[in-house]
Amino acid sequence: MEATIKQVLVPRFGDESVLEVIEAKIASPQAGEMQVQVLHSVVAGSDVNMRRGMYPLQKKAPLTPGYSMIGRVLENGPGVTAFRPGALVACLTIYGAQAERMNVPARFVVPVPEHVDLRQATALILDWMTAYEMLERSAQIRRGQRIFVHGLSGSVGTGLLHLGRLRGAEVFGTASSSKHAELAANGAVVFDYREKEWIGEMRRLGGVDAVFDPLGYQSFDESYSILRRGGLLVGYGQNLPALTNGPRPSPLPMILKLFARNLAFWKGKRTTFFGLFRGSQHFAPDLALLFQWLAEGRIQVPIKAVYPLTEIQEAHRMYARGSGIGSIVLNVS
């Protein structure tokens, strides 16, 4: 049965002012789908880049953003039996989660434990899953190793800090000076992102085992320079244009240059580019593990701000300001 909902719309690409909250119709779920009442979503760099029309291989406008969500099952489509109506579930949606209801492919849905903090749990789906899989699957960080994180106060950066410390790693990284005290209290050694002192200091210490770099472009050269032999540079996000509100050059030459560094095998350094893939065999069990850790109190997710759906423009403006530490959450329903 068709229902009327409110949802965010990007009718055309542009700045925060193009974002609208409209009424729309949603049909019943089709075969293999379930309809979910969305409780929470996040505003991430991917959403900002999609609004600007600069996300790799994205849909054309008009579109409804929303890369992840937590909600309750309302209705199952034909052939779907894994979750009953009322079940609390999560999904890496890529599009569409900034709406009161959405139809999602049942094969990508993960159960959420009752009684967890749902706002923190929502931030795990995209932001902390990216951090966890880069640490565990890409870099395979072990106790006593040294990592460097660009943007420690960001949504993925805080995940890398807390999960890296949980794995017993030494965590270094960059952030604005106003955030140094709080990040240091959580175990990080922090440098001002506007200065380049971190390059000389990391080299003086003998380099790091992994660098996690969401900026890209010229930043990859600096990150590569502080790797020790056997170290790995993990690129992801390409969020520099979203953070600076500047133009986005084609990412292809940058990524090709990143991988080309692996040809210099005699240097003993490696590079890779990470993208979160909901169809991976690791995605569901890794997210279930993070939900378990949250329920047990082993991790706490910093939330910098919470906005209602109607204040989506201000949520995007806060992302651009870069203030606060952690993730930006939307209360949807």
C-alpha atoms as a PDB file:
ATOM      1  CA  MET A   1       0.000   0.000   0.000  1.00  0.00           C
ATOM      2  CA  GLU A   2       1.350   3.422  -0.940  1.00  0.00           C
ATOM      3  CA  ALA A   3       2.233   5.824   1.895  1.00  0.00           C
ATOM      4  CA  THR A   4       3.179   9.512   2.112  1.00  0.00           C
ATOM      5  CA  ILE A   5       6.523  10.349   3.729  1.00  0.00           C
ATOM      6  CA  LYS A   6       8.920  13.230   4.220  1.00  0.00           C
ATOM      7  CA  GLN A   7      12.355  12.935   2.669  1.00  0.00           C
ATOM      8  CA  VAL A   8      15.414  15.018   1.844  1.00  0.00           C
ATOM      9  CA  LEU A   9      15.850  15.897  -1.799  1.00  0.00           C
ATOM     10  CA  VAL A  10      18.848  17.175  -3.777  1.00  0.00           C
ATOM     11  CA  PRO A  11      16.947  18.616  -6.775  1.00  0.00           C
ATOM     12  CA  ARG A  12      20.137  19.936  -8.379  1.00  0.00           C
ATOM     13  CA  PHE A  13      23.781  20.029  -7.371  1.00  0.00           C
ATOM     14  CA  GLY A  14      25.041  22.979  -5.349  1.00  0.00           C
ATOM     15  CA  ASP A  15      25.631  24.359  -1.856  1.00  0.00           C
ATOM     16  CA  GLU A  16      23.606  23.646   1.293  1.00  0.00           C
ATOM     17  CA  SER A  17      20.749  25.869   0.144  1.00  0.00           C
ATOM     18  CA  VAL A  18      19.681  23.404  -2.565  1.00  0.00           C
ATOM     19  CA  LEU A  19      18.613  20.814   0.023  1.00  0.00           C
ATOM     20  CA  GLU A  20      14.863  20.424   0.429  1.00  0.00           C
ATOM     21  CA  VAL A  21      12.544  18.380   2.642  1.00  0.00           C
ATOM     22  CA  ILE A  22       9.576  17.283   0.554  1.00  0.00           C
ATOM     23  CA  GLU A  23       6.572  14.991   0.747  1.00  0.00           C
ATOM     24  CA  ALA A  24       6.773  11.930  -1.453  1.00  0.00           C
ATOM     25  CA  LYS A  25       5.023   8.625  -2.046  1.00  0.00           C
ATOM     26  CA  ILE A  26       6.542   5.231  -1.238  1.00  0.00           C
ATOM     27  CA  ALA A  27       5.165   1.962  -2.593  1.00  0.00           C
ATOM     28  CA  SER A  28       5.083  -1.393  -0.845  1.00  0.00           C
ATOM     29  CA  PRO A  29       8.350  -3.371  -0.923  1.00  0.00           C
ATOM     30  CA  GLN A  30       8.964  -5.602  -3.914  1.00  0.00           C
ATOM     31  CA  ALA A  31      10.297  -9.155  -3.884  1.00  0.00           C
ATOM     32  CA  GLY A  32      13.524  -9.377  -1.891  1.00  0.00           C
ATOM     33  CA  GLU A  33      12.901  -6.023  -0.174  1.00  0.00           C
ATOM     34  CA  MET A  34      11.663  -4.849   3.182  1.00  0.00           C
ATOM     35  CA  GLN A  35      10.196  -1.494   4.106  1.00  0.00           C
ATOM     36  CA  VAL A  36      11.809   0.148   7.112  1.00  0.00           C
ATOM     37  CA  GLN A  37      10.768   3.103   9.241  1.00  0.00           C
ATOM     38  CA  VAL A  38      14.033   5.048   9.410  1.00  0.00           C
ATOM     39  CA  LEU A  39      14.893   6.254  12.911  1.00  0.00           C
ATOM     40  CA  HIS A  40      18.378   7.685  12.385  1.00  0.00           C
ATOM     41  CA  SER A  41      20.828   8.394   9.594  1.00  0.00           C
ATOM     42  CA  VAL A  42      24.115  10.313   9.440  1.00  0.00           C
ATOM     43  CA  VAL A  43      25.488  13.238   7.466  1.00  0.00           C
ATOM     44  CA  ALA A  44      28.866  12.120   6.111  1.00  0.00           C
ATOM     45  CA  GLY A  45      31.369  13.312   3.552  1.00  0.00           C
ATOM     46  CA  SER A  46      29.706  11.078   0.973  1.00  0.00           C
ATOM     47  CA  ASP A  47      26.405  12.948   1.407  1.00  0.00           C
ATOM     48  CA  VAL A  48      28.142  16.308   1.053  1.00  0.00           C
ATOM     49  CA  ASN A  49      29.951  15.189  -2.084  1.00  0.00           C
ATOM     50  CA  MET A  50      26.709  13.828  -3.557  1.00  0.00           C
ATOM     51  CA  ARG A  51      24.985  17.140  -2.900  1.00  0.00           C
ATOM     52  CA  ARG A  52      27.773  18.854  -4.831  1.00  0.00           C
ATOM     53  CA  GLY A  53      27.662  16.252  -7.620  1.00  0.00           C
ATOM     54  CA  MET A  54      31.216  15.147  -6.891  1.00  0.00           C
ATOM     55  CA  TYR A  55      30.851  11.616  -5.508  1.00  0.00           C
ATOM     56  CA  PRO A  56      32.431   8.939  -7.751  1.00  0.00           C
ATOM     57  CA  LEU A  57      29.929   7.237 -10.079  1.00  0.00           C
ATOM     58  CA  GLN A  58      26.973   8.786  -8.270  1.00  0.00           C
ATOM     59  CA  LYS A  59      23.378   9.123  -9.439  1.00  0.00           C
ATOM     60  CA  LYS A  60      22.257  12.220 -11.256  1.00  0.00           C
ATOM     61  CA  ALA A  61      20.016  14.724  -9.485  1.00  0.00           C
ATOM     62  CA  PRO A  62      17.325  14.645  -8.272  1.00  0.00           C
ATOM     63  CA  LEU A  63      18.282  12.191  -5.539  1.00  0.00           C
ATOM     64  CA  THR A  64      17.663  11.481  -1.867  1.00  0.00           C
ATOM     65  CA  PRO A  65      20.915  11.063   0.081  1.00  0.00           C
ATOM     66  CA  GLY A  66      21.535   8.977   3.170  1.00  0.00           C
ATOM     67  CA  TYR A  67      24.361   6.425   3.170  1.00  0.00           C
ATOM     68  CA  SER A  68      23.297   4.475   6.268  1.00  0.00           C
ATOM     69  CA  MET A  69      20.378   4.065   8.633  1.00  0.00           C
ATOM     70  CA  ILE A  70      18.878   2.294  11.631  1.00  0.00           C
ATOM     71  CA  GLY A  71      15.146   1.645  11.716  1.00  0.00           C
ATOM     72  CA  ARG A  72      12.323  -0.800  12.370  1.00  0.00           C
ATOM     73  CA  VAL A  73      10.868  -3.199   9.856  1.00  0.00           C
ATOM     74  CA  LEU A  74       7.360  -2.201   8.763  1.00  0.00           C
ATOM     75  CA  GLU A  75       6.626  -4.689   5.989  1.00  0.00           C
ATOM     76  CA  ASN A  76       8.335  -7.553   4.197  1.00  0.00           C
ATOM     77  CA  GLY A  77       8.150  -7.980   0.466  1.00  0.00           C
ATOM     78  CA  PRO A  78       7.469 -11.343  -1.202  1.00  0.00           C
ATOM     79  CA  GLY A  79      10.001 -13.985  -0.265  1.00  0.00           C
ATOM     80  CA  VAL A  80      11.476 -12.073   2.717  1.00  0.00           C
ATOM     81  CA  THR A  81      11.251 -13.877   6.049  1.00  0.00           C
ATOM     82  CA  ALA A  82      14.490 -13.099   7.949  1.00  0.00           C
ATOM     83  CA  PHE A  83      13.031 -10.218  10.006  1.00  0.00           C
ATOM     84  CA  ARG A  84       9.576  -9.742  11.460  1.00  0.00           C
ATOM     85  CA  PRO A  85       7.808  -6.377  11.515  1.00  0.00           C
ATOM     86  CA  GLY A  86       9.103  -4.350  14.464  1.00  0.00           C
ATOM     87  CA  ALA A  87      12.615  -5.787  14.282  1.00  0.00           C
ATOM     88  CA  LEU A  88      15.421  -3.266  14.797  1.00  0.00           C
ATOM     89  CA  VAL A  89      17.755  -3.317  11.793  1.00  0.00           C
ATOM     90  CA  ALA A  90      20.636  -1.475  10.146  1.00  0.00           C
ATOM     91  CA  CYS A  91      21.642  -1.059   6.532  1.00  0.00           C
ATOM     92  CA  LEU A  92      24.387   0.572   4.504  1.00  0.00           C
ATOM     93  CA  THR A  93      21.951   2.093   2.052  1.00  0.00           C
ATOM     94  CA  ILE A  94      24.233   4.393  -0.050  1.00  0.00           C
ATOM     95  CA  TYR A  95      21.160   6.422  -1.082  1.00  0.00           C
ATOM     96  CA  GLY A  96      17.730   7.109   0.372  1.00  0.00           C
ATOM     97  CA  ALA A  97      18.170   6.864   4.148  1.00  0.00           C
ATOM     98  CA  GLN A  98      17.279  10.508   4.785  1.00  0.00           C
ATOM     99  CA  ALA A  99      13.582   9.678   4.499  1.00  0.00           C
ATOM    100  CA  GLU A 100      10.932   8.566   6.984  1.00  0.00           C
ATOM    101  CA  ARG A 101      10.580   5.212   5.219  1.00  0.00           C
ATOM    102  CA  MET A 102      12.583   3.357   2.609  1.00  0.00           C
ATOM    103  CA  ASN A 103      12.566   0.009   0.825  1.00  0.00           C
ATOM    104  CA  VAL A 104      15.894  -1.793   1.174  1.00  0.00           C
ATOM    105  CA  PRO A 105      17.288  -5.077  -0.224  1.00  0.00           C
ATOM    106  CA  ALA A 106      16.828  -7.609   2.570  1.00  0.00           C
ATOM    107  CA  ARG A 107      20.200  -9.254   1.820  1.00  0.00           C
ATOM    108  CA  PHE A 108      22.031  -6.146   3.060  1.00  0.00           C
ATOM    109  CA  VAL A 109      20.131  -5.788   6.348  1.00  0.00           C
ATOM    110  CA  VAL A 110      21.870  -6.495   9.678  1.00  0.00           C
ATOM    111  CA  PRO A 111      20.087  -6.951  13.043  1.00  0.00           C
ATOM    112  CA  VAL A 112      20.668  -4.360  15.774  1.00  0.00           C
ATOM    113  CA  PRO A 113      20.636  -5.314  19.473  1.00  0.00           C
ATOM    114  CA  GLU A 114      17.818  -3.752  21.458  1.00  0.00           C
ATOM    115  CA  HIS A 115      18.796  -1.297  24.214  1.00  0.00           C
ATOM    116  CA  VAL A 116      21.940   0.060  22.539  1.00  0.00           C
ATOM    117  CA  ASP A 117      22.306   3.804  22.029  1.00  0.00           C
ATOM    118  CA  LEU A 118      20.786   4.043  18.557  1.00  0.00           C
ATOM    119  CA  ARG A 119      22.517   7.291  17.605  1.00  0.00           C
ATOM    120  CA  GLN A 120      25.916   5.810  18.395  1.00  0.00           C
ATOM    121  CA  ALA A 121      24.934   2.590  16.641  1.00  0.00           C
ATOM    122  CA  THR A 122      23.986   4.547  13.501  1.00  0.00           C
ATOM    123  CA  ALA A 123      27.459   6.106  13.380  1.00  0.00           C
ATOM    124  CA  LEU A 124      29.000   2.619  13.440  1.00  0.00           C
ATOM    125  CA  ILE A 125      27.441   1.534  10.124  1.00  0.00           C
ATOM    126  CA  LEU A 126      29.462   3.797   7.831  1.00  0.00           C
ATOM    127  CA  ASP A 127      32.003   5.766   9.863  1.00  0.00           C
ATOM    128  CA  TRP A 128      33.290   3.172  12.321  1.00  0.00           C
ATOM    129  CA  MET A 129      32.913   0.268   9.915  1.00  0.00           C
ATOM    130  CA  THR A 130      35.219   2.130   7.551  1.00  0.00           C
ATOM    131  CA  ALA A 131      37.688   2.598  10.414  1.00  0.00           C
ATOM    132  CA  TYR A 132      37.438  -1.001  11.625  1.00  0.00           C
ATOM    133  CA  GLU A 133      37.850  -2.626   8.226  1.00  0.00           C
ATOM    134  CA  MET A 134      40.810  -0.404   7.322  1.00  0.00           C
ATOM    135  CA  LEU A 135      42.516  -1.357  10.588  1.00  0.00           C
ATOM    136  CA  GLU A 136      41.562  -5.037  10.494  1.00  0.00           C
ATOM    137  CA  ARG A 137      41.267  -5.956   6.826  1.00  0.00           C
ATOM    138  CA  SER A 138      43.577  -3.508   5.028  1.00  0.00           C
ATOM    139  CA  ALA A 139      46.408  -2.724   7.450  1.00  0.00           C
ATOM    140  CA  GLN A 140      45.989  -5.654   9.881  1.00  0.00           C
ATOM    141  CA  ILE A 141      47.251  -3.490  12.745  1.00  0.00           C
ATOM    142  CA  ARG A 142      48.741  -5.320  15.721  1.00  0.00           C
ATOM    143  CA  ARG A 143      49.523  -4.325  19.299  1.00  0.00           C
ATOM    144  CA  GLY A 144      52.513  -2.025  19.586  1.00  0.00           C
ATOM    145  CA  GLN A 145      52.383  -0.745  16.016  1.00  0.00           C
ATOM    146  CA  ARG A 146      52.264   2.951  15.178  1.00  0.00           C
ATOM    147  CA  ILE A 147      49.548   4.551  13.012  1.00  0.00           C
ATOM    148  CA  PHE A 148      48.964   8.077  11.713  1.00  0.00           C
ATOM    149  CA  VAL A 149      45.448   9.434  11.093  1.00  0.00           C
ATOM    150  CA  HIS A 150      44.613  12.568   9.140  1.00  0.00           C
ATOM    151  CA  GLY A 151      41.554  14.256  10.645  1.00  0.00           C
ATOM    152  CA  LEU A 152      41.445  12.598  14.060  1.00  0.00           C
ATOM    153  CA  SER A 153      38.355  14.583  15.077  1.00  0.00           C
ATOM    154  CA  GLY A 154      36.266  13.518  12.087  1.00  0.00           C
ATOM    155  CA  SER A 155      33.682  10.767  12.045  1.00  0.00           C
ATOM    156  CA  VAL A 156      36.056   8.089  10.677  1.00  0.00           C
ATOM    157  CA  GLY A 157      39.086   9.611  12.398  1.00  0.00           C
ATOM    158  CA  THR A 158      37.570   9.169  15.851  1.00  0.00           C
ATOM    159  CA  GLY A 159      36.768   5.581  14.973  1.00  0.00           C
ATOM    160  CA  LEU A 160      40.386   4.986  13.951  1.00  0.00           C
ATOM    161  CA  LEU A 161      41.571   6.566  17.197  1.00  0.00           C
ATOM    162  CA  HIS A 162      39.352   4.554  19.536  1.00  0.00           C
ATOM    163  CA  LEU A 163      39.574   1.266  17.661  1.00  0.00           C
ATOM    164  CA  GLY A 164      43.303   1.700  17.106  1.00  0.00           C
ATOM    165  CA  ARG A 165      43.853   2.223  20.823  1.00  0.00           C
ATOM    166  CA  LEU A 166      41.625  -0.781  21.538  1.00  0.00           C
ATOM    167  CA  ARG A 167      43.965  -2.845  19.357  1.00  0.00           C
ATOM    168  CA  GLY A 168      46.960  -1.586  21.326  1.00  0.00           C
ATOM    169  CA  ALA A 169      48.386   0.701  18.648  1.00  0.00           C
ATOM    170  CA  GLU A 170      50.116   4.036  19.175  1.00  0.00           C
ATOM    171  CA  VAL A 171      47.944   6.664  17.477  1.00  0.00           C
ATOM    172  CA  PHE A 172      49.282   9.899  15.985  1.00  0.00           C
ATOM    173  CA  GLY A 173      47.413  12.320  13.789  1.00  0.00           C
ATOM    174  CA  THR A 174      46.241  15.788  12.854  1.00  0.00           C
ATOM    175  CA  ALA A 175      43.383  18.011  14.004  1.00  0.00           C
ATOM    176  CA  SER A 176      42.683  21.681  14.644  1.00  0.00           C
ATOM    177  CA  SER A 177      44.321  22.996  17.804  1.00  0.00           C
ATOM    178  CA  SER A 178      41.005  23.517  19.635  1.00  0.00           C
ATOM    179  CA  LYS A 179      40.488  19.742  19.672  1.00  0.00           C
ATOM    180  CA  HIS A 180      43.948  18.642  20.814  1.00  0.00           C
ATOM    181  CA  ALA A 181      43.193  18.396  24.536  1.00  0.00           C
ATOM    182  CA  GLU A 182      40.177  16.110  24.103  1.00  0.00           C
ATOM    183  CA  LEU A 183      41.925  13.911  21.562  1.00  0.00           C
ATOM    184  CA  ALA A 184      45.044  13.670  23.730  1.00  0.00           C
ATOM    185  CA  ALA A 185      42.850  12.632  26.658  1.00  0.00           C
ATOM    186  CA  ASN A 186      41.725   9.708  24.488  1.00  0.00           C
ATOM    187  CA  GLY A 187      45.306   8.602  23.899  1.00  0.00           C
ATOM    188  CA  ALA A 188      46.341  10.365  20.694  1.00  0.00           C
ATOM    189  CA  VAL A 189      49.477  12.362  19.947  1.00  0.00           C
ATOM    190  CA  VAL A 190      48.061  15.281  17.952  1.00  0.00           C
ATOM    191  CA  PHE A 191      49.582  17.793  15.551  1.00  0.00           C
ATOM    192  CA  ASP A 192      48.034  20.940  14.075  1.00  0.00           C
ATOM    193  CA  TYR A 193      46.767  20.067  10.610  1.00  0.00           C
ATOM    194  CA  ARG A 194      47.775  23.509   9.297  1.00  0.00           C
ATOM    195  CA  GLU A 195      51.441  22.913  10.059  1.00  0.00           C
ATOM    196  CA  LYS A 196      53.802  20.264   8.707  1.00  0.00           C
ATOM    197  CA  GLU A 197      55.695  19.494  11.911  1.00  0.00           C
ATOM    198  CA  TRP A 198      54.227  16.003  11.960  1.00  0.00           C
ATOM    199  CA  ILE A 199      56.285  14.995   8.909  1.00  0.00           C
ATOM    200  CA  GLY A 200      59.651  15.630  10.560  1.00  0.00           C
ATOM    201  CA  GLU A 201      58.498  14.228  13.900  1.00  0.00           C
ATOM    202  CA  MET A 202      57.235  10.958  12.427  1.00  0.00           C
ATOM    203  CA  ARG A 203      60.461  10.528  10.477  1.00  0.00           C
ATOM    204  CA  ARG A 204      62.460  11.221  13.625  1.00  0.00           C
ATOM    205  CA  LEU A 205      60.561   8.426  15.380  1.00  0.00           C
ATOM    206  CA  GLY A 206      61.415   6.022  12.569  1.00  0.00           C
ATOM    207  CA  GLY A 207      58.151   6.229  10.622  1.00  0.00           C
ATOM    208  CA  VAL A 208      54.767   4.598  11.097  1.00  0.00           C
ATOM    209  CA  ASP A 209      53.269   1.242  10.193  1.00  0.00           C
ATOM    210  CA  ALA A 210      50.159   2.704   8.552  1.00  0.00           C
ATOM    211  CA  VAL A 211      48.763   6.066   7.486  1.00  0.00           C
ATOM    212  CA  PHE A 212      45.013   6.574   6.983  1.00  0.00           C
ATOM    213  CA  ASP A 213      44.475   9.489   4.610  1.00  0.00           C
ATOM    214  CA  PRO A 214      40.961  10.703   3.641  1.00  0.00           C
ATOM    215  CA  LEU A 215      42.250  13.862   1.934  1.00  0.00           C
ATOM    216  CA  GLY A 216      43.995  12.548  -1.167  1.00  0.00           C
ATOM    217  CA  TYR A 217      45.656  14.590  -3.875  1.00  0.00           C
ATOM    218  CA  GLN A 218      48.947  16.148  -2.635  1.00  0.00           C
ATOM    219  CA  SER A 219      48.382  14.734   0.863  1.00  0.00           C
ATOM    220  CA  PHE A 220      49.232  11.227  -0.352  1.00  0.00           C
ATOM    221  CA  ASP A 221      52.825  12.291  -1.087  1.00  0.00           C
ATOM    222  CA  GLU A 222      53.318  13.541   2.476  1.00  0.00           C
ATOM    223  CA  SER A 223      51.666  10.469   3.967  1.00  0.00           C
ATOM    224  CA  TYR A 224      53.848   8.106   1.945  1.00  0.00           C
ATOM    225  CA  SER A 225      56.958   9.915   3.149  1.00  0.00           C
ATOM    226  CA  ILE A 226      56.388   8.991   6.822  1.00  0.00           C
ATOM    227  CA  LEU A 227      55.913   5.251   6.283  1.00  0.00           C
ATOM    228  CA  ARG A 228      58.566   2.956   7.673  1.00  0.00           C
ATOM    229  CA  ARG A 229      59.707  -0.049   5.654  1.00  0.00           C
ATOM    230  CA  GLY A 230      56.812  -2.514   5.535  1.00  0.00           C
ATOM    231  CA  GLY A 231      54.294   0.291   6.115  1.00  0.00           C
ATOM    232  CA  LEU A 232      50.978   0.820   4.310  1.00  0.00           C
ATOM    233  CA  LEU A 233      49.284   4.000   3.103  1.00  0.00           C
ATOM    234  CA  VAL A 234      45.479   3.584   3.054  1.00  0.00           C
ATOM    235  CA  GLY A 235      43.662   6.208   1.018  1.00  0.00           C
ATOM    236  CA  TYR A 236      39.904   6.630   1.357  1.00  0.00           C
ATOM    237  CA  GLY A 237      37.150   9.207   1.138  1.00  0.00           C
ATOM    238  CA  GLN A 238      38.811  11.871  -1.045  1.00  0.00           C
ATOM    239  CA  ASN A 239      37.075  14.405   1.199  1.00  0.00           C
ATOM    240  CA  LEU A 240      39.386  17.395   0.774  1.00  0.00           C
ATOM    241  CA  PRO A 241      37.058  19.194  -1.685  1.00  0.00           C
ATOM    242  CA  ALA A 242      34.068  18.636   0.630  1.00  0.00           C
ATOM    243  CA  LEU A 243      35.987  20.026   3.614  1.00  0.00           C
ATOM    244  CA  THR A 244      37.356  23.055   1.765  1.00  0.00           C
ATOM    245  CA  ASN A 245      34.260  23.628  -0.393  1.00  0.00           C
ATOM    246  CA  GLY A 246      36.614  23.775  -3.356  1.00  0.00           C
ATOM    247  CA  PRO A 247      36.517  22.192  -6.812  1.00  0.00           C
ATOM    248  CA  ARG A 248      37.116  18.473  -7.151  1.00  0.00           C
ATOM    249  CA  PRO A 249      39.761  17.487  -9.688  1.00  0.00           C
ATOM    250  CA  SER A 250      39.362  14.120 -11.339  1.00  0.00           C
ATOM    251  CA  PRO A 251      40.331  11.472  -8.767  1.00  0.00           C
ATOM    252  CA  LEU A 252      41.552   8.971 -11.379  1.00  0.00           C
ATOM    253  CA  PRO A 253      45.107  10.369 -11.815  1.00  0.00           C
ATOM    254  CA  MET A 254      45.470  10.575  -8.036  1.00  0.00           C
ATOM    255  CA  ILE A 255      44.395   6.961  -7.506  1.00  0.00           C
ATOM    256  CA  LEU A 256      46.574   5.688 -10.353  1.00  0.00           C
ATOM    257  CA  LYS A 257      49.550   7.541  -8.862  1.00  0.00           C
ATOM    258  CA  LEU A 258      48.742   6.038  -5.443  1.00  0.00           C
ATOM    259  CA  PHE A 259      48.795   2.471  -6.775  1.00  0.00           C
ATOM    260  CA  ALA A 260      51.805   3.158  -9.002  1.00  0.00           C
ATOM    261  CA  ARG A 261      53.907   3.569  -5.863  1.00  0.00           C
ATOM    262  CA  ASN A 262      53.615  -0.190  -5.359  1.00  0.00           C
ATOM    263  CA  LEU A 263      55.872  -0.620  -8.407  1.00  0.00           C
ATOM    264  CA  ALA A 264      58.747   0.776  -6.315  1.00  0.00           C
ATOM    265  CA  PHE A 265      58.893  -2.516  -4.401  1.00  0.00           C
ATOM    266  CA  TRP A 266      62.473  -1.921  -3.297  1.00  0.00           C
ATOM    267  CA  LYS A 267      61.257   0.805  -0.920  1.00  0.00           C
ATOM    268  CA  GLY A 268      59.339  -1.785   1.081  1.00  0.00           C
ATOM    269  CA  LYS A 269      56.241   0.423   1.323  1.00  0.00           C
ATOM    270  CA  ARG A 270      52.731  -0.354   0.083  1.00  0.00           C
ATOM    271  CA  THR A 271      49.643   1.642  -0.878  1.00  0.00           C
ATOM    272  CA  THR A 272      45.954   0.820  -1.257  1.00  0.00           C
ATOM    273  CA  PHE A 273      42.596   2.535  -1.579  1.00  0.00           C
ATOM    274  CA  PHE A 274      39.709   1.484   0.655  1.00  0.00           C
ATOM    275  CA  GLY A 275      35.997   1.544  -0.064  1.00  0.00           C
ATOM    276  CA  LEU A 276      33.334   0.045   2.192  1.00  0.00           C
ATOM    277  CA  PHE A 277      31.404  -2.700   0.398  1.00  0.00           C
ATOM    278  CA  ARG A 278      28.133  -3.911   1.899  1.00  0.00           C
ATOM    279  CA  GLY A 279      28.249  -7.087  -0.190  1.00  0.00           C
ATOM    280  CA  SER A 280      31.560  -8.180   1.347  1.00  0.00           C
ATOM    281  CA  GLN A 281      31.613 -11.436   3.277  1.00  0.00           C
ATOM    282  CA  HIS A 282      33.073  -9.490   6.202  1.00  0.00           C
ATOM    283  CA  PHE A 283      30.543  -6.644   6.352  1.00  0.00           C
ATOM    284  CA  ALA A 284      27.708  -8.220   8.361  1.00  0.00           C
ATOM    285  CA  PRO A 285      29.913 -10.051  10.928  1.00  0.00           C
ATOM    286  CA  ASP A 286      32.171  -7.007  11.382  1.00  0.00           C
ATOM    287  CA  LEU A 287      29.190  -4.708  11.988  1.00  0.00           C
ATOM    288  CA  ALA A 288      27.654  -7.263  14.367  1.00  0.00           C
ATOM    289  CA  LEU A 289      30.913  -7.239  16.325  1.00  0.00           C
ATOM    290  CA  LEU A 290      30.876  -3.443  16.612  1.00  0.00           C
ATOM    291  CA  PHE A 291      27.251  -3.527  17.793  1.00  0.00           C
ATOM    292  CA  GLN A 292      28.286  -6.110  20.415  1.00  0.00           C
ATOM    293  CA  TRP A 293      31.163  -3.929  21.615  1.00  0.00           C
ATOM    294  CA  LEU A 294      28.812  -0.951  21.879  1.00  0.00           C
ATOM    295  CA  ALA A 295      26.302  -2.995  23.878  1.00  0.00           C
ATOM    296  CA  GLU A 296      29.076  -4.198  26.199  1.00  0.00           C
ATOM    297  CA  GLY A 297      30.447  -0.677  26.708  1.00  0.00           C
ATOM    298  CA  ARG A 298      33.826  -1.503  25.131  1.00  0.00           C
ATOM    299  CA  ILE A 299      33.408   1.395  22.723  1.00  0.00           C
ATOM    300  CA  GLN A 300      31.641   4.754  22.882  1.00  0.00           C
ATOM    301  CA  VAL A 301      31.019   6.766  19.732  1.00  0.00           C
ATOM    302  CA  PRO A 302      31.422  10.563  19.962  1.00  0.00           C
ATOM    303  CA  ILE A 303      28.428  12.371  18.463  1.00  0.00           C
ATOM    304  CA  LYS A 304      29.189  15.998  17.633  1.00  0.00           C
ATOM    305  CA  ALA A 305      25.605  17.030  16.837  1.00  0.00           C
ATOM    306  CA  VAL A 306      22.085  15.692  16.303  1.00  0.00           C
ATOM    307  CA  TYR A 307      19.634  17.379  13.920  1.00  0.00           C
ATOM    308  CA  PRO A 308      16.030  16.709  12.925  1.00  0.00           C
ATOM    309  CA  LEU A 309      15.396  15.940   9.284  1.00  0.00           C
ATOM    310  CA  THR A 310      13.975  19.428   8.783  1.00  0.00           C
ATOM    311  CA  GLU A 311      17.364  20.987   9.620  1.00  0.00           C
ATOM    312  CA  ILE A 312      19.311  19.114   6.964  1.00  0.00           C
ATOM    313  CA  GLN A 313      20.794  22.329   5.566  1.00  0.00           C
ATOM    314  CA  GLU A 314      22.294  23.242   8.952  1.00  0.00           C
ATOM    315  CA  ALA A 315      23.670  19.702   9.356  1.00  0.00           C
ATOM    316  CA  HIS A 316      25.565  20.137   6.081  1.00  0.00           C
ATOM    317  CA  ARG A 317      26.811  23.565   7.169  1.00  0.00           C
ATOM    318  CA  MET A 318      28.148  22.059  10.390  1.00  0.00           C
ATOM    319  CA  TYR A 319      30.008  19.418   8.399  1.00  0.00           C
ATOM    320  CA  ALA A 320      31.627  22.189   6.362  1.00  0.00           C
ATOM    321  CA  ARG A 321      32.632  24.118   9.508  1.00  0.00           C
ATOM    322  CA  GLY A 322      34.473  21.084  10.847  1.00  0.00           C
ATOM    323  CA  SER A 323      33.618  21.962  14.450  1.00  0.00           C
ATOM    324  CA  GLY A 324      33.228  19.349  17.175  1.00  0.00           C
ATOM    325  CA  ILE A 325      34.437  15.763  17.398  1.00  0.00           C
ATOM    326  CA  GLY A 326      32.695  12.700  16.003  1.00  0.00           C
ATOM    327  CA  SER A 327      29.691  12.026  13.772  1.00  0.00           C
ATOM    328  CA  ILE A 328      26.645  14.100  12.772  1.00  0.00           C
ATOM    329  CA  VAL A 329      23.382  12.186  13.289  1.00  0.00           C
ATOM    330  CA  LEU A 330      19.919  12.895  11.868  1.00  0.00           C
ATOM    331  CA  ASN A 331      16.767  12.097  13.800  1.00  0.00           C
ATOM    332  CA  VAL A 332      14.557  11.019  10.926  1.00  0.00           C
ATOM    333  CA  SER A 333      11.344   9.539  12.408  1.00  0.00           C
END
